[in-house]
Amino acid sequence: MSKLPAFQFYPGDWLRDVGVQSASFETRGFWVELLIRMWDAPKRGKLEIRRGDLRRLLNCNADVEKRCLAEIKRLGIADVTHSNGKVTIVNRRMFKDQIEREKTRERVRHHREKEA
């Protein structure tokens, strides 16, 4: 999908994020799994998926999915929306960083075309 093989994880950000630290241990684990999936998603930082598919992807049951997504949304850890049987989860930082990478790539491409 991408030439970027890994994402940066900042322990200080994790430890200082009040939402993450207020979450249950179960939800923090669920969130880490979501981060990994969002890194490899077609739109990096944004996961759009049917709820049943999300449960299969994360190997959890409906109760865990419902509880963790509600806690993530309630604590403001991510943007979570439900529509037509699908759930959309957005990690604001990862999504914003990807947009910035794309803008930079486009500026560099445009600059190189002007030089040629």
Foldseek 3Di string as FASTA:
>chain_A
DDPDPDDDDDVVCCVPLPLNVPDDPLLVVVVVLVQVVLCVDPQRQKDKAAPVVSCVSVVHDPVSVVVNLVSCCVSVQWDWDDDDRIIMTGRPVRNVVVVVVVVVVVVVVVVVVVVD
